[in-house]
Protein backbone atom coordinates (compact mmCIF):
# COMPACT_ATOMS: atom_id res chain seq x y z
CA MET A 1 195.31 40.31 283.74
CA ALA A 2 196.59 43.91 283.92
CA MET A 3 196.64 45.99 280.76
CA LEU A 4 200.08 47.33 281.73
CA GLU A 5 202.47 45.46 284.01
CA VAL A 6 205.87 47.02 284.72
CA ASN A 7 208.40 45.32 286.99
CA HIS A 8 211.76 46.64 288.26
CA LEU A 9 212.09 49.12 285.39
CA ALA A 10 215.33 51.09 285.41
CA ILE A 11 217.46 53.17 283.08
CA GLN A 12 220.91 54.61 283.62
CA PHE A 13 222.49 57.54 281.77
CA GLY A 14 226.18 57.39 282.56
CA GLY A 15 226.35 57.29 286.36
CA LEU A 16 222.79 58.62 286.83
CA ARG A 17 219.92 56.19 287.43
CA ALA A 18 217.07 58.33 286.08
CA VAL A 19 214.52 55.61 286.88
CA ASP A 20 215.28 52.99 289.51
CA GLY A 21 213.13 49.94 290.28
CA PHE A 22 209.83 51.30 288.95
CA ASN A 23 206.81 49.01 289.32
CA VAL A 24 203.21 49.61 288.31
CA SER A 25 200.15 47.54 287.45
CA ILE A 26 197.26 49.20 285.60
CA GLU A 27 194.01 47.32 285.01
CA LYS A 28 192.03 47.44 281.79
CA GLY A 29 189.73 50.47 281.73
CA GLN A 30 191.57 52.23 284.56
CA LEU A 31 192.51 55.91 284.53
CA TYR A 32 195.85 56.04 286.34
CA GLY A 33 197.99 59.04 287.32
CA LEU A 34 201.77 59.46 287.45
CA ILE A 35 202.89 62.57 289.32
CA GLY A 36 206.03 63.98 290.90
CA PRO A 37 208.30 67.03 290.98
CA ASN A 38 210.04 68.25 287.84
CA GLY A 39 212.93 65.92 287.06
CA ALA A 40 211.41 63.01 289.00
CA GLY A 41 211.53 60.72 285.94
CA LYS A 42 207.92 60.83 284.70
CA THR A 43 208.64 61.62 281.06
CA THR A 44 211.57 59.18 281.12
CA ILE A 45 209.09 56.44 282.05
CA PHE A 46 206.83 57.44 279.15
CA ASN A 47 209.87 57.28 276.87
CA LEU A 48 210.67 53.79 278.18
CA LEU A 49 207.08 52.62 277.69
CA THR A 50 207.00 53.89 274.11
CA GLY A 51 210.43 52.66 272.98
CA VAL A 52 212.18 56.03 272.79
CA TYR A 53 214.60 54.70 275.44
CA LYS A 54 215.64 51.09 276.03
CA PRO A 55 215.58 50.08 279.70
CA THR A 56 218.76 49.04 281.49
CA GLU A 57 216.69 46.64 283.59
CA GLY A 58 213.12 45.50 283.97
CA ILE A 59 210.13 44.10 282.10
CA ILE A 60 207.24 45.90 280.37
CA LYS A 61 204.16 43.90 279.46
CA LEU A 62 201.16 45.25 277.56
CA ASP A 63 198.05 43.08 277.80
CA GLY A 64 200.32 40.11 278.62
CA GLN A 65 202.73 40.74 275.72
CA ASP A 66 206.37 41.48 276.53
CA ILE A 67 207.24 44.73 274.71
CA THR A 68 210.50 45.43 276.58
CA GLY A 69 213.10 47.02 274.29
CA LYS A 70 210.92 47.00 271.18
CA SER A 71 210.98 49.91 268.73
CA THR A 72 208.59 52.86 268.89
CA ILE A 73 206.75 51.63 265.79
CA GLU A 74 206.44 48.09 267.14
CA ILE A 75 205.11 49.38 270.47
CA ASN A 76 202.61 51.66 268.75
CA LYS A 77 201.35 48.74 266.67
CA ALA A 78 201.15 46.61 269.84
CA GLY A 79 198.76 49.18 271.26
CA ILE A 80 200.39 52.15 273.04
CA ALA A 81 199.71 55.70 271.86
CA ARG A 82 200.81 58.94 273.47
CA THR A 83 200.42 62.70 273.43
CA PHE A 84 203.15 65.17 274.37
CA GLN A 85 203.53 68.06 276.79
CA ASN A 86 204.42 70.26 273.80
CA ILE A 87 201.72 69.72 271.17
CA ARG A 88 203.10 67.88 268.13
CA LEU A 89 200.40 68.23 265.51
CA PHE A 90 201.07 68.62 261.79
CA LYS A 91 200.00 72.25 261.90
CA GLU A 92 200.06 72.82 258.14
CA MET A 93 197.74 69.86 257.59
CA THR A 94 193.98 69.88 258.10
CA VAL A 95 192.31 68.59 261.24
CA LEU A 96 190.96 65.65 259.20
CA ASP A 97 194.37 64.74 257.76
CA ASN A 98 195.98 64.83 261.22
CA VAL A 99 193.57 62.13 262.38
CA LYS A 100 194.08 60.15 259.16
CA VAL A 101 197.81 59.97 259.95
CA GLY A 102 196.89 57.90 262.99
CA LEU A 103 194.70 55.60 260.91
CA HIS A 104 197.39 54.48 258.45
CA ASN A 105 198.52 51.57 260.67
CA HIS A 106 195.13 49.95 260.20
CA HIS A 107 194.30 51.11 256.66
CA PRO A 108 197.50 50.47 254.67
CA TYR A 109 198.14 50.64 250.95
CA SER A 110 201.40 50.49 249.03
CA THR A 111 203.32 53.53 247.79
CA LEU A 112 202.66 52.45 244.20
CA THR A 113 198.92 52.22 244.90
CA GLY A 114 199.02 55.74 246.32
CA ILE A 115 200.99 57.18 243.40
CA LEU A 116 198.92 55.54 240.65
CA ARG A 117 195.60 55.91 242.49
CA PHE A 118 194.58 52.28 242.04
CA PRO A 119 191.00 51.37 243.14
CA LYS A 120 192.31 50.21 246.54
CA TYR A 121 193.64 53.73 247.16
CA HIS A 122 190.18 55.28 246.73
CA LYS A 123 188.55 52.55 248.82
CA VAL A 124 191.01 52.95 251.70
CA GLU A 125 190.88 56.77 251.57
CA LYS A 126 187.07 56.66 251.76
CA GLU A 127 187.23 54.32 254.77
CA MET A 128 189.79 56.56 256.51
CA ASN A 129 187.76 59.72 255.85
CA GLU A 130 184.65 58.12 257.35
CA LYS A 131 186.52 56.77 260.39
CA ALA A 132 188.35 60.07 260.96
CA MET A 133 185.07 61.98 260.86
CA GLU A 134 183.56 59.57 263.39
CA ILE A 135 186.44 60.27 265.78
CA LEU A 136 186.27 64.03 265.21
CA LYS A 137 182.55 64.02 266.03
CA VAL A 138 183.35 62.44 269.40
CA PHE A 139 185.56 65.46 270.16
CA ASP A 140 183.16 67.97 268.59
CA LEU A 141 185.82 68.79 265.99
CA ASP A 142 183.98 67.58 262.89
CA LYS A 143 182.97 71.12 261.87
CA GLU A 144 186.68 72.06 261.79
CA ALA A 145 187.68 69.02 259.69
CA GLN A 146 189.05 71.17 256.85
CA THR A 147 190.66 73.78 259.13
CA LEU A 148 194.45 73.80 259.38
CA ALA A 149 195.42 72.28 262.73
CA GLY A 150 197.65 75.26 263.51
CA ASN A 151 194.64 77.59 263.27
CA LEU A 152 192.68 75.84 266.04
CA PRO A 153 192.47 77.41 269.51
CA TYR A 154 194.89 75.88 272.00
CA GLY A 155 192.29 73.78 273.82
CA LYS A 156 191.04 72.28 270.57
CA GLN A 157 194.60 71.47 269.48
CA ARG A 158 194.93 69.43 272.69
CA LYS A 159 191.71 67.59 271.88
CA LEU A 160 192.90 66.95 268.31
CA GLU A 161 196.15 65.45 269.58
CA ILE A 162 194.17 63.01 271.73
CA ALA A 163 191.88 62.25 268.78
CA ARG A 164 194.88 61.47 266.58
CA ALA A 165 196.35 59.17 269.24
CA LEU A 166 193.03 57.32 269.50
CA ALA A 167 192.98 56.86 265.73
CA THR A 168 195.79 54.30 266.14
CA ASP A 169 193.26 52.16 268.06
CA PRO A 170 195.42 51.85 271.19
CA LYS A 171 194.95 49.58 274.18
CA LEU A 172 196.77 52.09 276.39
CA LEU A 173 196.74 55.87 276.01
CA LEU A 174 199.57 57.91 277.55
CA LEU A 175 198.74 61.57 278.17
CA ASP A 176 201.74 63.78 278.93
CA GLU A 177 200.57 66.89 280.82
CA PRO A 178 197.46 67.44 278.67
CA ALA A 179 196.35 70.44 280.76
CA ALA A 180 199.65 72.31 280.30
CA GLY A 181 198.97 75.90 279.23
CA MET A 182 195.20 75.63 279.66
CA ASN A 183 192.95 78.07 281.49
CA PRO A 184 190.51 76.72 284.13
CA ASN A 185 187.60 76.48 281.67
CA GLU A 186 189.72 74.57 279.16
CA THR A 187 190.98 72.28 281.94
CA GLN A 188 187.43 71.46 283.00
CA GLU A 189 186.49 70.70 279.39
CA LEU A 190 189.58 68.49 279.10
CA MET A 191 188.55 66.56 282.23
CA ASP A 192 185.12 65.97 280.70
CA THR A 193 186.76 64.86 277.43
CA ILE A 194 189.07 62.38 279.15
CA ARG A 195 186.17 60.90 281.13
CA PHE A 196 184.16 60.55 277.92
CA VAL A 197 187.09 58.91 276.10
CA GLN A 198 187.44 56.38 278.94
CA LYS A 199 183.81 55.39 278.59
CA HIS A 200 183.27 55.73 274.82
CA PHE A 201 186.46 53.98 273.75
CA ASP A 202 186.71 51.61 276.74
CA MET A 203 190.19 53.06 277.15
CA THR A 204 192.98 52.45 279.64
CA THR A 205 194.86 55.69 280.34
CA LEU A 206 198.09 56.65 282.09
CA LEU A 207 198.33 60.36 282.78
CA ILE A 208 201.22 62.65 283.73
CA GLU A 209 199.93 65.93 285.11
CA HIS A 210 200.85 68.78 287.48
CA ASP A 211 197.30 70.10 287.81
CA MET A 212 196.21 68.49 291.08
CA LYS A 213 192.57 69.44 290.55
CA LEU A 214 192.56 67.43 287.33
CA VAL A 215 194.49 64.53 288.87
CA GLY A 216 192.26 64.39 291.93
CA GLY A 217 189.15 64.72 289.79
CA ILE A 218 189.70 61.88 287.33
CA CYS A 219 192.50 59.51 288.40
CA GLU A 220 191.44 56.38 290.28
CA GLU A 221 194.95 55.52 291.45
CA LEU A 222 198.31 57.30 291.54
CA THR A 223 202.00 56.65 291.59
CA VAL A 224 204.22 59.44 292.91
CA LEU A 225 207.83 59.54 291.73
CA ASN A 226 210.72 61.30 293.41
CA PHE A 227 214.29 61.13 292.10
CA GLY A 228 213.36 58.23 289.80
CA GLN A 229 211.91 56.06 292.56
CA VAL A 230 208.37 55.36 293.70
CA LEU A 231 207.54 57.51 296.72
CA ALA A 232 203.91 56.47 297.13
CA GLN A 233 201.34 54.39 295.27
CA GLY A 234 197.64 53.61 295.65
CA GLU A 235 194.18 55.18 295.76
CA THR A 236 194.34 58.82 294.65
CA SER A 237 192.70 60.41 297.70
CA LYS A 238 194.97 58.51 300.10
CA VAL A 239 198.15 59.18 298.13
CA LEU A 240 197.49 62.93 297.96
CA LYS A 241 197.17 63.00 301.78
CA ASP A 242 200.40 61.06 302.35
CA PRO A 243 202.77 63.26 304.42
CA ALA A 244 205.77 62.17 302.33
CA VAL A 245 203.98 63.20 299.14
CA ILE A 246 202.92 66.55 300.62
CA THR A 247 206.49 67.26 301.72
CA ALA A 248 208.20 66.17 298.51
CA TYR A 249 205.72 67.42 295.94
CA LEU A 250 202.75 69.44 297.11
CA GLY A 251 204.86 71.54 299.43
CA GLU A 252 202.14 72.11 302.00
């Protein structure tokens, strides 16, 4: 069974069909790429998968569960986490507390417990601190645990955003242009990080990216969008050599 199964997905804004008949099947443990020119509908698909938009048509299944039209919170709890092209960390909070935000779905306590500091509060906080530190060590960010997130270098902020997403214990991780704004050294480090996450967390990942070196280096399969429709789909090396893809996107 596929981890993500999307059939005939579509959304219409007024008279514009921003996504039209989108299909994709992503297997558990796969690292899958979604590419296309600006305005092709990539981020719209991420917004459909995460409940920001409700589809006009189509079915979205995560690990066999129909999540079509569910709320963002329901979809996150079902197992989809995402990062954003523009980093959305809590920059005035510490690195540790940013990761703990992602852990609250799985380590809950009531507002009253938090206010009055009942024993459960201290127990849960201790568990979250330990788990957050474990995740930060994976990303080599444990030494910056008490640093304000906004004071981290850009590349480390990207890594922290992925760490926070993983703290929600997702089945599917959506990465929205994670290499945006990075220099070549940072991009290479990011590629190594994503590979490690795939293996260490047994993760399934869907990636939007414009950096073709990164896409070609880590994605097993690709879907290329153009004007909201699938232009090409399949093994990465073959898709990147497709004449239609070269004409529409790579421009070579």
